[in-house]
Amino acid sequence: MRKRYLILAAWSLYGPKLACNNGGGEAPAPTRTDKPASRPAAKDRPYPPDNISGFAGVVQISDTAHYSDGFDFVLYSKDSTGWKKLRFSPGMADSAGLMSYLFNYDHNLIVFRCLERKGDYFRVVVDEKHGLQRLISVHEKYLMFQSWPQHLQGAYAVEFDAKNDPLRKSPDDLAEKVAFDKERYW
């Protein structure tokens, strides 16, 4: 089945909850918009996984970052020692061997899935393909934490299956369904 995208006014590669509900009471999982039309089997599926359960939210670029100048941030090992100092730049992901949840220099985006906050650090996935986790300081000047609902509400589009996860008038499984006109939103 082909997925549909509802395009909204904010700028990012994800979309807000839009009163959709996945049955678990959480916002629907964000997904990349560059996936092929047919999805491979789960074990063969490329990163990032669609399931966001077990993740507190994301760590991404804050509003205070000056993208044109680039900025530095540090990733720490689990013992809180410095692992890599990085500069946000076009080749950053390739040169550092990272595979974040989302990286697009042209659109000023880097998003790491956040597992939890531990003291002064966020534990994040820095390599989606291999599950590599590192820490990011909560005091990083140009990075910030957002819960999934916060992150999705400032987004551009949301991928969803209109048959299995219909639009609703409010974020409640029992709320009245809203007709989805594929010609209008597709």
Foldseek 3Di string as FASTA:
>chain_A
DFWFKFFDDFADQFAAQLLWELPPLDRFFFDGPPDDRDADDPVPGDDDDRDLPLFQFKKKFDPPDDLVVWDWFFWAAPVRHTDDIFTLDDCGCVVVVWDANDDDSVSRIGIWTFNQDDVQWTWTQRHNRVRDITIGGCPPPTMHGDGHNRVNHNYTMHIDHCVNTFRFPHNDPPGHGDDDDRVVRD
